[in-house]
C-alpha atoms as a PDB file:
ATOM      1  CA  MET A   1       0.000   0.000   0.000  1.00  0.00           C
ATOM      2  CA  THR A   2       1.279   3.449  -0.889  1.00  0.00           C
ATOM      3  CA  PHE A   3       0.561   6.802   0.708  1.00  0.00           C
ATOM      4  CA  GLY A   4       0.911  10.447  -0.256  1.00  0.00           C
ATOM      5  CA  PRO A   5       0.841  14.061   0.950  1.00  0.00           C
ATOM      6  CA  LYS A   6      -2.394  13.716   2.915  1.00  0.00           C
ATOM      7  CA  GLU A   7      -0.920  10.960   5.082  1.00  0.00           C
ATOM      8  CA  LEU A   8       2.432  12.765   5.299  1.00  0.00           C
ATOM      9  CA  GLN A   9       0.769  15.820   6.776  1.00  0.00           C
ATOM     10  CA  ALA A  10      -1.351  13.731   9.154  1.00  0.00           C
ATOM     11  CA  ASP A  11       1.458  11.442  10.357  1.00  0.00           C
ATOM     12  CA  VAL A  12       4.372  13.863  10.448  1.00  0.00           C
ATOM     13  CA  GLN A  13       3.565  17.540  10.223  1.00  0.00           C
ATOM     14  CA  GLN A  14       0.378  17.531  12.276  1.00  0.00           C
ATOM     15  CA  GLN A  15       2.082  15.290  14.850  1.00  0.00           C
ATOM     16  CA  LYS A  16       4.936  17.847  14.983  1.00  0.00           C
ATOM     17  CA  ILE A  17       7.651  15.244  14.339  1.00  0.00           C
ATOM     18  CA  CYS A  18       8.948  16.731  11.078  1.00  0.00           C
ATOM     19  CA  ILE A  19      12.676  17.361  11.428  1.00  0.00           C
ATOM     20  CA  GLY A  20      12.991  19.588   8.360  1.00  0.00           C
ATOM     21  CA  CYS A  21      15.269  17.344   6.284  1.00  0.00           C
ATOM     22  CA  GLY A  22      13.676  18.645   3.072  1.00  0.00           C
ATOM     23  CA  ALA A  23      13.140  15.236   1.454  1.00  0.00           C
ATOM     24  CA  CYS A  24       9.654  16.271   0.343  1.00  0.00           C
ATOM     25  CA  VAL A  25      10.857  19.674  -0.893  1.00  0.00           C
ATOM     26  CA  SER A  26      12.103  20.328  -4.450  1.00  0.00           C
ATOM     27  CA  ILE A  27      10.253  17.268  -5.761  1.00  0.00           C
ATOM     28  CA  CYS A  28       6.869  18.865  -5.145  1.00  0.00           C
ATOM     29  CA  PRO A  29       5.613  22.450  -5.560  1.00  0.00           C
ATOM     30  CA  TYR A  30       3.360  22.130  -2.504  1.00  0.00           C
ATOM     31  CA  PHE A  31       6.031  21.703   0.211  1.00  0.00           C
ATOM     32  CA  LYS A  32       8.421  24.507   1.161  1.00  0.00           C
ATOM     33  CA  THR A  33      11.064  25.067   3.832  1.00  0.00           C
ATOM     34  CA  TYR A  34      10.769  28.211   5.933  1.00  0.00           C
ATOM     35  CA  LYS A  35      13.016  29.005   8.909  1.00  0.00           C
ATOM     36  CA  GLY A  36      14.073  25.390   9.243  1.00  0.00           C
ATOM     37  CA  GLN A  37      10.568  23.939   9.079  1.00  0.00           C
ATOM     38  CA  THR A  38       8.746  22.218   6.231  1.00  0.00           C
ATOM     39  CA  LYS A  39       5.199  23.314   5.486  1.00  0.00           C
ATOM     40  CA  ALA A  40       2.527  22.432   2.933  1.00  0.00           C
ATOM     41  CA  ILE A  41       1.535  25.686   1.263  1.00  0.00           C
ATOM     42  CA  PHE A  42      -1.238  24.110  -0.823  1.00  0.00           C
ATOM     43  CA  GLN A  43      -3.141  20.846  -0.669  1.00  0.00           C
ATOM     44  CA  CYS A  44      -2.342  18.084  -3.166  1.00  0.00           C
ATOM     45  CA  SER A  45      -4.809  15.472  -4.407  1.00  0.00           C
ATOM     46  CA  ARG A  46      -2.276  12.708  -5.125  1.00  0.00           C
ATOM     47  CA  THR A  47      -2.952   9.449  -3.293  1.00  0.00           C
ATOM     48  CA  SER A  48       0.688   8.357  -3.399  1.00  0.00           C
ATOM     49  CA  GLY A  49       3.967  10.172  -3.797  1.00  0.00           C
ATOM     50  CA  ARG A  50       7.692  10.415  -3.257  1.00  0.00           C
ATOM     51  CA  CYS A  51       7.072  12.911  -0.444  1.00  0.00           C
ATOM     52  CA  TYR A  52       5.761  10.132   1.810  1.00  0.00           C
ATOM     53  CA  ALA A  53       8.165   7.496   0.488  1.00  0.00           C
ATOM     54  CA  PHE A  54      11.284   9.632   1.090  1.00  0.00           C
ATOM     55  CA  CYS A  55      10.392  10.926   4.571  1.00  0.00           C
ATOM     56  CA  PRO A  56      12.554   9.552   7.429  1.00  0.00           C
ATOM     57  CA  LYS A  57       9.516   9.478   9.738  1.00  0.00           C
ATOM     58  CA  THR A  58       7.161   7.369   7.598  1.00  0.00           C
ATOM     59  CA  GLY A  59       7.409   3.612   7.165  1.00  0.00           C
ATOM     60  CA  VAL A  60      11.214   3.436   7.163  1.00  0.00           C
ATOM     61  CA  ASP A  61      12.062  -0.213   6.426  1.00  0.00           C
ATOM     62  CA  LEU A  62      15.386  -0.773   8.173  1.00  0.00           C
ATOM     63  CA  ASP A  63      15.864  -4.234   6.663  1.00  0.00           C
ATOM     64  CA  LYS A  64      15.316  -2.874   3.154  1.00  0.00           C
ATOM     65  CA  LEU A  65      17.796  -0.051   3.666  1.00  0.00           C
ATOM     66  CA  SER A  66      20.348  -2.403   5.211  1.00  0.00           C
ATOM     67  CA  LYS A  67      20.026  -4.951   2.410  1.00  0.00           C
ATOM     68  CA  ASN A  68      20.340  -2.195  -0.191  1.00  0.00           C
ATOM     69  CA  LEU A  69      23.596  -0.947   1.344  1.00  0.00           C
ATOM     70  CA  TYR A  70      25.101  -3.929   3.177  1.00  0.00           C
ATOM     71  CA  ASN A  71      23.326  -6.973   1.685  1.00  0.00           C
ATOM     72  CA  LYS A  72      22.102  -8.095   5.097  1.00  0.00           C
ATOM     73  CA  GLU A  73      19.191  -7.557   7.479  1.00  0.00           C
ATOM     74  CA  TYR A  74      19.325  -4.712   9.965  1.00  0.00           C
ATOM     75  CA  GLY A  75      21.132  -5.939  13.083  1.00  0.00           C
ATOM     76  CA  SER A  76      21.525  -4.969  16.708  1.00  0.00           C
ATOM     77  CA  ASP A  77      25.129  -3.727  16.792  1.00  0.00           C
ATOM     78  CA  PRO A  78      25.094  -0.398  18.656  1.00  0.00           C
ATOM     79  CA  LEU A  79      27.033   1.354  15.876  1.00  0.00           C
ATOM     80  CA  GLY A  80      25.509  -0.425  12.884  1.00  0.00           C
ATOM     81  CA  ASN A  81      27.611  -2.060  10.158  1.00  0.00           C
ATOM     82  CA  TYR A  82      31.166  -0.835   9.731  1.00  0.00           C
ATOM     83  CA  LYS A  83      34.542  -1.889   8.372  1.00  0.00           C
ATOM     84  CA  ALA A  84      36.852   0.132  10.602  1.00  0.00           C
ATOM     85  CA  ILE A  85      36.793   2.777  13.314  1.00  0.00           C
ATOM     86  CA  TYR A  86      39.517   5.307  14.120  1.00  0.00           C
ATOM     87  CA  VAL A  87      40.535   8.473  15.884  1.00  0.00           C
ATOM     88  CA  SER A  88      41.000  11.011  13.099  1.00  0.00           C
ATOM     89  CA  GLU A  89      42.086  14.587  12.464  1.00  0.00           C
ATOM     90  CA  LYS A  90      42.829  16.739   9.445  1.00  0.00           C
ATOM     91  CA  GLY A  91      46.172  16.220   7.767  1.00  0.00           C
ATOM     92  CA  ASP A  92      48.882  18.645   6.715  1.00  0.00           C
ATOM     93  CA  LYS A  93      47.695  18.784   3.079  1.00  0.00           C
ATOM     94  CA  ALA A  94      44.217  20.026   3.995  1.00  0.00           C
ATOM     95  CA  SER A  95      43.606  23.769   3.703  1.00  0.00           C
ATOM     96  CA  LYS A  96      44.351  25.736   6.864  1.00  0.00           C
ATOM     97  CA  GLY A  97      40.745  26.881   7.126  1.00  0.00           C
ATOM     98  CA  ASN A  98      39.468  23.308   7.165  1.00  0.00           C
ATOM     99  CA  GLY A  99      39.749  22.341  10.790  1.00  0.00           C
ATOM    100  CA  SER A 100      37.932  19.019  10.861  1.00  0.00           C
ATOM    101  CA  THR A 101      38.055  15.525   9.433  1.00  0.00           C
ATOM    102  CA  VAL A 102      34.807  16.160   7.547  1.00  0.00           C
ATOM    103  CA  SER A 103      36.002  19.340   5.823  1.00  0.00           C
ATOM    104  CA  ALA A 104      39.305  17.703   4.886  1.00  0.00           C
ATOM    105  CA  LEU A 105      37.544  14.674   3.384  1.00  0.00           C
ATOM    106  CA  ILE A 106      35.146  16.818   1.353  1.00  0.00           C
ATOM    107  CA  GLU A 107      37.968  19.036   0.129  1.00  0.00           C
ATOM    108  CA  PHE A 108      39.918  15.967  -0.978  1.00  0.00           C
ATOM    109  CA  ALA A 109      36.877  14.288  -2.569  1.00  0.00           C
ATOM    110  CA  LEU A 110      36.115  17.377  -4.661  1.00  0.00           C
ATOM    111  CA  GLN A 111      39.731  17.858  -5.665  1.00  0.00           C
ATOM    112  CA  ASN A 112      40.252  14.262  -6.837  1.00  0.00           C
ATOM    113  CA  LYS A 113      36.805  14.096  -8.520  1.00  0.00           C
ATOM    114  CA  THR A 114      35.394  11.389  -6.233  1.00  0.00           C
ATOM    115  CA  ILE A 115      32.389  13.722  -6.083  1.00  0.00           C
ATOM    116  CA  ASP A 116      31.302  16.396  -8.558  1.00  0.00           C
ATOM    117  CA  SER A 117      29.584  18.566  -5.943  1.00  0.00           C
ATOM    118  CA  ALA A 118      28.998  18.787  -2.206  1.00  0.00           C
ATOM    119  CA  ILE A 119      26.178  20.052  -0.023  1.00  0.00           C
ATOM    120  CA  LEU A 120      27.508  22.129   2.866  1.00  0.00           C
ATOM    121  CA  SER A 121      25.708  24.368   5.354  1.00  0.00           C
ATOM    122  CA  LYS A 122      26.243  27.860   6.728  1.00  0.00           C
ATOM    123  CA  LEU A 123      24.526  29.390   9.700  1.00  0.00           C
ATOM    124  CA  ASN A 124      22.069  32.173   8.887  1.00  0.00           C
ATOM    125  CA  GLY A 125      21.257  33.383  12.372  1.00  0.00           C
ATOM    126  CA  ALA A 126      20.188  30.192  14.165  1.00  0.00           C
ATOM    127  CA  VAL A 127      19.130  28.467  10.938  1.00  0.00           C
ATOM    128  CA  ALA A 128      21.541  26.258   9.040  1.00  0.00           C
ATOM    129  CA  LYS A 129      21.242  26.943   5.312  1.00  0.00           C
ATOM    130  CA  PRO A 130      22.550  24.230   2.930  1.00  0.00           C
ATOM    131  CA  GLU A 131      24.165  25.120  -0.391  1.00  0.00           C
ATOM    132  CA  ILE A 132      25.740  23.106  -3.201  1.00  0.00           C
ATOM    133  CA  ILE A 133      29.342  23.821  -4.162  1.00  0.00           C
ATOM    134  CA  THR A 134      31.744  22.407  -6.753  1.00  0.00           C
ATOM    135  CA  ASP A 135      34.994  24.222  -5.898  1.00  0.00           C
ATOM    136  CA  HIS A 136      37.193  22.466  -3.324  1.00  0.00           C
ATOM    137  CA  GLU A 137      38.730  25.803  -2.323  1.00  0.00           C
ATOM    138  CA  LYS A 138      35.361  26.988  -0.985  1.00  0.00           C
ATOM    139  CA  VAL A 139      35.010  24.170   1.559  1.00  0.00           C
ATOM    140  CA  LYS A 140      36.821  26.235   4.187  1.00  0.00           C
ATOM    141  CA  ASP A 141      34.024  28.829   4.017  1.00  0.00           C
ATOM    142  CA  TYR A 142      31.636  26.244   5.484  1.00  0.00           C
ATOM    143  CA  SER A 143      33.910  24.592   8.021  1.00  0.00           C
ATOM    144  CA  SER A 144      32.690  26.246  11.228  1.00  0.00           C
ATOM    145  CA  SER A 145      30.678  24.064  13.595  1.00  0.00           C
ATOM    146  CA  LYS A 146      26.902  24.364  13.471  1.00  0.00           C
ATOM    147  CA  SER A 147      23.899  23.499  15.610  1.00  0.00           C
ATOM    148  CA  GLY A 148      20.571  22.859  14.008  1.00  0.00           C
ATOM    149  CA  LEU A 149      18.707  20.735  11.555  1.00  0.00           C
ATOM    150  CA  SER A 150      19.244  21.598   7.923  1.00  0.00           C
ATOM    151  CA  PRO A 151      17.087  20.803   4.853  1.00  0.00           C
ATOM    152  CA  VAL A 152      20.034  19.080   3.194  1.00  0.00           C
ATOM    153  CA  ILE A 153      17.912  16.658   1.189  1.00  0.00           C
ATOM    154  CA  SER A 154      15.984  19.415  -0.575  1.00  0.00           C
ATOM    155  CA  ILE A 155      19.302  20.623  -1.990  1.00  0.00           C
ATOM    156  CA  PHE A 156      20.212  17.055  -2.923  1.00  0.00           C
ATOM    157  CA  ASN A 157      16.945  16.838  -4.872  1.00  0.00           C
ATOM    158  CA  GLU A 158      17.773  20.110  -6.626  1.00  0.00           C
ATOM    159  CA  GLY A 159      21.295  18.954  -7.407  1.00  0.00           C
ATOM    160  CA  ALA A 160      20.077  15.663  -8.859  1.00  0.00           C
ATOM    161  CA  GLU A 161      17.556  17.535 -10.999  1.00  0.00           C
ATOM    162  CA  SER A 162      20.321  19.879 -12.185  1.00  0.00           C
ATOM    163  CA  GLY A 163      22.406  16.983 -13.473  1.00  0.00           C
ATOM    164  CA  TYR A 164      25.007  16.377 -10.770  1.00  0.00           C
ATOM    165  CA  ASN A 165      25.850  12.666 -10.653  1.00  0.00           C
ATOM    166  CA  LYS A 166      28.129  12.250  -7.628  1.00  0.00           C
ATOM    167  CA  ILE A 167      26.804  14.554  -4.924  1.00  0.00           C
ATOM    168  CA  GLY A 168      28.648  14.616  -1.632  1.00  0.00           C
ATOM    169  CA  VAL A 169      26.271  14.868   1.318  1.00  0.00           C
ATOM    170  CA  ILE A 170      26.940  15.687   4.969  1.00  0.00           C
ATOM    171  CA  GLY A 171      24.032  15.286   7.344  1.00  0.00           C
ATOM    172  CA  ALA A 172      22.589  14.198  10.641  1.00  0.00           C
ATOM    173  CA  PRO A 173      21.294  10.616  10.835  1.00  0.00           C
ATOM    174  CA  CYS A 174      17.741  11.714   9.952  1.00  0.00           C
ATOM    175  CA  ASN A 175      19.082  13.312   6.757  1.00  0.00           C
ATOM    176  CA  ILE A 176      20.989  10.131   5.953  1.00  0.00           C
ATOM    177  CA  ILE A 177      17.906   7.943   6.466  1.00  0.00           C
ATOM    178  CA  ALA A 178      15.921  10.161   4.095  1.00  0.00           C
ATOM    179  CA  LEU A 179      18.706   9.922   1.522  1.00  0.00           C
ATOM    180  CA  SER A 180      18.832   6.139   2.005  1.00  0.00           C
ATOM    181  CA  ASN A 181      15.108   6.006   1.309  1.00  0.00           C
ATOM    182  CA  ILE A 182      15.711   7.892  -1.944  1.00  0.00           C
ATOM    183  CA  ARG A 183      18.584   5.574  -2.897  1.00  0.00           C
ATOM    184  CA  SER A 184      16.369   2.510  -2.408  1.00  0.00           C
ATOM    185  CA  ASN A 185      14.033   3.768  -5.187  1.00  0.00           C
ATOM    186  CA  PRO A 186      10.878   3.225  -3.096  1.00  0.00           C
ATOM    187  CA  THR A 187       8.478   4.268  -5.882  1.00  0.00           C
ATOM    188  CA  ASP A 188      10.113   1.868  -8.378  1.00  0.00           C
ATOM    189  CA  LEU A 189      11.019   4.453 -11.005  1.00  0.00           C
ATOM    190  CA  THR A 190      12.190   2.683 -14.165  1.00  0.00           C
ATOM    191  CA  ASP A 191      14.742   5.386 -14.970  1.00  0.00           C
ATOM    192  CA  PHE A 192      16.090   5.723 -11.412  1.00  0.00           C
ATOM    193  CA  VAL A 193      19.758   6.718 -11.005  1.00  0.00           C
ATOM    194  CA  ASP A 194      21.505   7.025  -7.642  1.00  0.00           C
ATOM    195  CA  ARG A 195      23.029  10.515  -7.741  1.00  0.00           C
ATOM    196  CA  SER A 196      24.845  10.292  -4.427  1.00  0.00           C
ATOM    197  CA  GLY A 197      28.600  10.392  -4.128  1.00  0.00           C
ATOM    198  CA  ILE A 198      30.218  10.158  -0.709  1.00  0.00           C
ATOM    199  CA  ILE A 199      27.755  10.364   2.182  1.00  0.00           C
ATOM    200  CA  ILE A 200      29.064  11.471   5.575  1.00  0.00           C
ATOM    201  CA  GLY A 201      26.853  11.007   8.621  1.00  0.00           C
ATOM    202  CA  LEU A 202      27.352  13.202  11.682  1.00  0.00           C
ATOM    203  CA  PHE A 203      26.867  11.800  15.165  1.00  0.00           C
ATOM    204  CA  CYS A 204      23.711  13.155  16.762  1.00  0.00           C
ATOM    205  CA  SER A 205      22.174  12.316  20.115  1.00  0.00           C
ATOM    206  CA  TRP A 206      19.551  14.918  19.199  1.00  0.00           C
ATOM    207  CA  ALA A 207      19.452  18.207  17.300  1.00  0.00           C
ATOM    208  CA  HIS A 208      18.287  21.759  17.868  1.00  0.00           C
ATOM    209  CA  GLY A 209      15.087  22.870  16.180  1.00  0.00           C
ATOM    210  CA  SER A 210      16.125  26.242  14.789  1.00  0.00           C
ATOM    211  CA  SER A 211      12.794  28.027  15.234  1.00  0.00           C
ATOM    212  CA  LYS A 212      12.890  27.473  19.008  1.00  0.00           C
ATOM    213  CA  PHE A 213      16.639  27.561  19.533  1.00  0.00           C
ATOM    214  CA  GLU A 214      17.045  31.263  18.756  1.00  0.00           C
ATOM    215  CA  ASP A 215      15.890  32.305  22.224  1.00  0.00           C
ATOM    216  CA  ALA A 216      16.991  29.221  24.149  1.00  0.00           C
ATOM    217  CA  VAL A 217      19.482  29.274  26.962  1.00  0.00           C
ATOM    218  CA  ILE A 218      22.178  26.615  26.518  1.00  0.00           C
ATOM    219  CA  SER A 219      21.575  25.180  29.996  1.00  0.00           C
ATOM    220  CA  GLU A 220      17.947  24.622  28.958  1.00  0.00           C
ATOM    221  CA  GLU A 221      18.849  22.777  25.720  1.00  0.00           C
ATOM    222  CA  ARG A 222      16.867  19.630  26.422  1.00  0.00           C
ATOM    223  CA  LYS A 223      13.644  21.611  26.666  1.00  0.00           C
ATOM    224  CA  VAL A 224      13.907  22.619  23.008  1.00  0.00           C
ATOM    225  CA  MET A 225      14.711  19.184  21.609  1.00  0.00           C
ATOM    226  CA  PRO A 226      12.438  18.664  18.577  1.00  0.00           C
ATOM    227  CA  LEU A 227       9.789  16.026  19.219  1.00  0.00           C
ATOM    228  CA  GLY A 228      10.840  14.134  16.097  1.00  0.00           C
ATOM    229  CA  CYS A 229      14.274  13.460  17.624  1.00  0.00           C
ATOM    230  CA  SER A 230      12.706  11.344  20.360  1.00  0.00           C
ATOM    231  CA  TYR A 231      11.630   8.786  17.741  1.00  0.00           C
ATOM    232  CA  CYS A 232      15.084   8.532  16.129  1.00  0.00           C
ATOM    233  CA  HIS A 233      17.044   5.361  16.936  1.00  0.00           C
ATOM    234  CA  ASP A 234      20.199   6.300  15.008  1.00  0.00           C
ATOM    235  CA  MET A 235      22.983   8.190  16.761  1.00  0.00           C
ATOM    236  CA  THR A 236      25.885   7.566  14.369  1.00  0.00           C
ATOM    237  CA  GLY A 237      24.508   7.756  10.799  1.00  0.00           C
ATOM    238  CA  GLU A 238      24.367   4.020  10.181  1.00  0.00           C
ATOM    239  CA  PHE A 239      23.486   4.257   6.472  1.00  0.00           C
ATOM    240  CA  ALA A 240      26.299   6.643   5.522  1.00  0.00           C
ATOM    241  CA  ASP A 241      29.550   5.725   3.771  1.00  0.00           C
ATOM    242  CA  ILE A 242      31.491   7.358   6.591  1.00  0.00           C
ATOM    243  CA  SER A 243      30.335   8.574   9.997  1.00  0.00           C
ATOM    244  CA  VAL A 244      32.116  11.246  12.031  1.00  0.00           C
ATOM    245  CA  GLY A 245      31.669  12.624  15.522  1.00  0.00           C
ATOM    246  CA  ALA A 246      33.631  14.456  18.174  1.00  0.00           C
ATOM    247  CA  LEU A 247      36.102  12.525  20.298  1.00  0.00           C
ATOM    248  CA  ASP A 248      35.028  13.300  23.839  1.00  0.00           C
ATOM    249  CA  SER A 249      38.428  13.762  25.412  1.00  0.00           C
ATOM    250  CA  LYS A 250      40.041  16.776  27.068  1.00  0.00           C
ATOM    251  CA  ASN A 251      43.437  15.647  25.808  1.00  0.00           C
ATOM    252  CA  GLU A 252      42.416  15.170  22.174  1.00  0.00           C
ATOM    253  CA  LYS A 253      41.232  18.596  21.008  1.00  0.00           C
ATOM    254  CA  ASN A 254      40.071  18.874  17.375  1.00  0.00           C
ATOM    255  CA  LYS A 255      40.057  15.095  16.939  1.00  0.00           C
ATOM    256  CA  ASN A 256      37.167  12.951  15.775  1.00  0.00           C
ATOM    257  CA  ILE A 257      35.846   9.432  15.834  1.00  0.00           C
ATOM    258  CA  LEU A 258      35.737   8.163  12.240  1.00  0.00           C
ATOM    259  CA  ILE A 259      33.622   5.141  11.283  1.00  0.00           C
ATOM    260  CA  VAL A 260      34.189   3.624   7.839  1.00  0.00           C
ATOM    261  CA  ARG A 261      31.124   1.701   6.645  1.00  0.00           C
ATOM    262  CA  THR A 262      31.169   1.035   2.904  1.00  0.00           C
ATOM    263  CA  GLU A 263      33.657   0.196   0.160  1.00  0.00           C
ATOM    264  CA  ARG A 264      33.506   3.658  -1.381  1.00  0.00           C
ATOM    265  CA  GLY A 265      33.912   5.198   2.066  1.00  0.00           C
ATOM    266  CA  GLU A 266      36.912   2.966   2.707  1.00  0.00           C
ATOM    267  CA  GLN A 267      38.462   3.933  -0.611  1.00  0.00           C
ATOM    268  CA  LEU A 268      38.102   7.657   0.090  1.00  0.00           C
ATOM    269  CA  VAL A 269      39.531   7.386   3.605  1.00  0.00           C
ATOM    270  CA  ASN A 270      42.519   5.305   2.465  1.00  0.00           C
ATOM    271  CA  ASP A 271      43.261   7.703  -0.399  1.00  0.00           C
ATOM    272  CA  ALA A 272      42.893  10.743   1.886  1.00  0.00           C
ATOM    273  CA  ILE A 273      45.336   9.220   4.366  1.00  0.00           C
ATOM    274  CA  LYS A 274      47.886   8.464   1.634  1.00  0.00           C
ATOM    275  CA  SER A 275      47.520  11.978   0.237  1.00  0.00           C
ATOM    276  CA  GLY A 276      47.973  13.640   3.633  1.00  0.00           C
ATOM    277  CA  TYR A 277      44.492  15.105   3.995  1.00  0.00           C
ATOM    278  CA  ILE A 278      43.612  13.218   7.170  1.00  0.00           C
ATOM    279  CA  LYS A 279      45.488  11.318   9.868  1.00  0.00           C
ATOM    280  CA  THR A 280      44.145   8.296  11.748  1.00  0.00           C
ATOM    281  CA  ALA A 281      45.026   6.284  14.829  1.00  0.00           C
ATOM    282  CA  PRO A 282      43.386   3.364  16.661  1.00  0.00           C
ATOM    283  CA  LEU A 283      40.341   4.280  18.739  1.00  0.00           C
ATOM    284  CA  PRO A 284      40.952   3.504  22.427  1.00  0.00           C
ATOM    285  CA  ALA A 285      38.799   0.677  23.768  1.00  0.00           C
ATOM    286  CA  GLU A 286      37.241   2.896  26.431  1.00  0.00           C
ATOM    287  CA  ALA A 287      36.136   5.432  23.810  1.00  0.00           C
ATOM    288  CA  LEU A 288      34.574   2.680  21.685  1.00  0.00           C
ATOM    289  CA  ASP A 289      32.781   1.304  24.726  1.00  0.00           C
ATOM    290  CA  SER A 290      31.458   4.739  25.698  1.00  0.00           C
ATOM    291  CA  LEU A 291      30.209   5.439  22.178  1.00  0.00           C
ATOM    292  CA  SER A 292      28.576   2.012  21.902  1.00  0.00           C
ATOM    293  CA  LYS A 293      26.730   2.467  25.198  1.00  0.00           C
ATOM    294  CA  ALA A 294      25.492   5.936  24.239  1.00  0.00           C
ATOM    295  CA  SER A 295      24.298   4.710  20.843  1.00  0.00           C
ATOM    296  CA  MET A 296      22.539   1.663  22.294  1.00  0.00           C
ATOM    297  CA  SER A 297      20.871   3.872  24.894  1.00  0.00           C
ATOM    298  CA  LYS A 298      19.386   6.025  22.119  1.00  0.00           C
ATOM    299  CA  LYS A 299      18.161   2.931  20.263  1.00  0.00           C
ATOM    300  CA  LYS A 300      16.500   1.536  23.365  1.00  0.00           C
ATOM    301  CA  ARG A 301      14.774   4.806  24.265  1.00  0.00           C
ATOM    302  CA  SER A 302      13.420   5.492  20.795  1.00  0.00           C
ATOM    303  CA  LEU A 303      12.280   1.937  20.079  1.00  0.00           C
ATOM    304  CA  ALA A 304      10.602   1.699  23.480  1.00  0.00           C
ATOM    305  CA  ARG A 305       8.672   4.878  22.713  1.00  0.00           C
ATOM    306  CA  LEU A 306       7.682   3.636  19.262  1.00  0.00           C
ATOM    307  CA  VAL A 307       6.418   0.360  20.747  1.00  0.00           C
ATOM    308  CA  GLU A 308       4.567   2.165  23.536  1.00  0.00           C
ATOM    309  CA  GLU A 309       2.854   4.490  21.068  1.00  0.00           C
ATOM    310  CA  LYS A 310       2.187   1.667  18.573  1.00  0.00           C
ATOM    311  CA  LYS A 311       4.157   3.341  15.789  1.00  0.00           C
ATOM    312  CA  ILE A 312       6.285   0.363  14.815  1.00  0.00           C
ATOM    313  CA  ASN A 313       5.850  -2.707  12.586  1.00  0.00           C
ATOM    314  CA  ASP A 314       2.305  -4.086  12.335  1.00  0.00           C
ATOM    315  CA  LEU A 315       1.020  -2.294  15.451  1.00  0.00           C
ATOM    316  CA  THR A 316      -0.466   0.354  13.154  1.00  0.00           C
ATOM    317  CA  GLU A 317      -1.447   0.793   9.508  1.00  0.00           C
ATOM    318  CA  ARG A 318       1.234   3.443   8.923  1.00  0.00           C
ATOM    319  CA  PRO A 319       4.217   2.834  11.231  1.00  0.00           C
ATOM    320  CA  THR A 320       7.166   5.166  11.647  1.00  0.00           C
ATOM    321  CA  ILE A 321       9.619   2.306  11.100  1.00  0.00           C
ATOM    322  CA  PHE A 322       9.765  -1.404  10.341  1.00  0.00           C
ATOM    323  CA  ILE A 323      12.406  -3.481  12.114  1.00  0.00           C
ATOM    324  CA  ASN A 324      12.711  -7.266  12.165  1.00  0.00           C
ATOM    325  CA  ASP A 325      11.413  -8.916  15.323  1.00  0.00           C
ATOM    326  CA  GLN A 326      14.711 -10.533  16.343  1.00  0.00           C
ATOM    327  CA  THR A 327      16.672  -7.279  16.160  1.00  0.00           C
ATOM    328  CA  LEU A 328      13.939  -5.416  18.025  1.00  0.00           C
ATOM    329  CA  LYS A 329      14.050  -8.084  20.744  1.00  0.00           C
ATOM    330  CA  ASN A 330      17.846  -8.002  20.948  1.00  0.00           C
ATOM    331  CA  ILE A 331      17.952  -4.228  21.336  1.00  0.00           C
ATOM    332  CA  THR A 332      15.080  -3.866  23.805  1.00  0.00           C
ATOM    333  CA  ASN A 333      16.451  -6.728  25.946  1.00  0.00           C
ATOM    334  CA  ASP A 334      20.018  -5.405  25.925  1.00  0.00           C
ATOM    335  CA  LYS A 335      21.234  -4.716  29.467  1.00  0.00           C
ATOM    336  CA  GLY A 336      23.753  -2.017  28.511  1.00  0.00           C
ATOM    337  CA  GLY A 337      23.388   1.546  27.321  1.00  0.00           C
ATOM    338  CA  MET A 338      20.786   2.762  29.810  1.00  0.00           C
END
């Protein structure tokens, strides 16, 4: 059974769990992003559509996404599937303005033509505004840290429509899930082409909603957590090629945790190391354990809420996610991470 804009508005926007990823924007004239939020400006009569199929809050089939990317069912590992995990930092060959692993990787990927474009975000007040660039020398202009959800996927849709074929994407896990939905061709288009290049997922225990964050006091952060974040099980961007987050250590300033997940992610990381754009070292066991516990804790909390509210699997006609019964059991029965 397929659904469309009517169900999208009822299940996501009216329930206030839209996270503003922009997956429904730029493929439809009826949805627009304004100040970090997605709104329907006119009603649409379609009974099915890509808007519903692409959304990361509607019927996300974790097994389907996992099989599409990893050729296996979705499992219960706290960090998802991965090939390697490191401590990382930018290398000597990266531009001086690029202070992070992510910026260095994107600069390198653009320079060596691994990607033909990249979607990066700048802060406009408290709102993160994504833009598409093709010049590796401009990456440093977007390298400052940012808080906030960004409609990255709307720009991906625009880039794909404009003819880019290897688009580099950086996003929070919700962005990456939306992009993974797109890559799985959920509406079975006969002429479908995957326009993604390297996909980098950013660790996220939750994210600021920009419309409320402008007047928030940092010590009160949790009070402005978007409702949609409470349903998200993914802390580390499990369907990305590479995932990156801060290394929580007072002695390791400006260093990251780098998770390599796919073959194309592995190729980029290895080439970037050889070319001097990033440096890596083994991740200490205690850091891996801490990250795994935090990630599993997020999974347990979100899945428990989805079960309690009957928004998972066959508990409702239109669930938020589908997850196989064994993995759901393994995660909810796990004794760690709480």
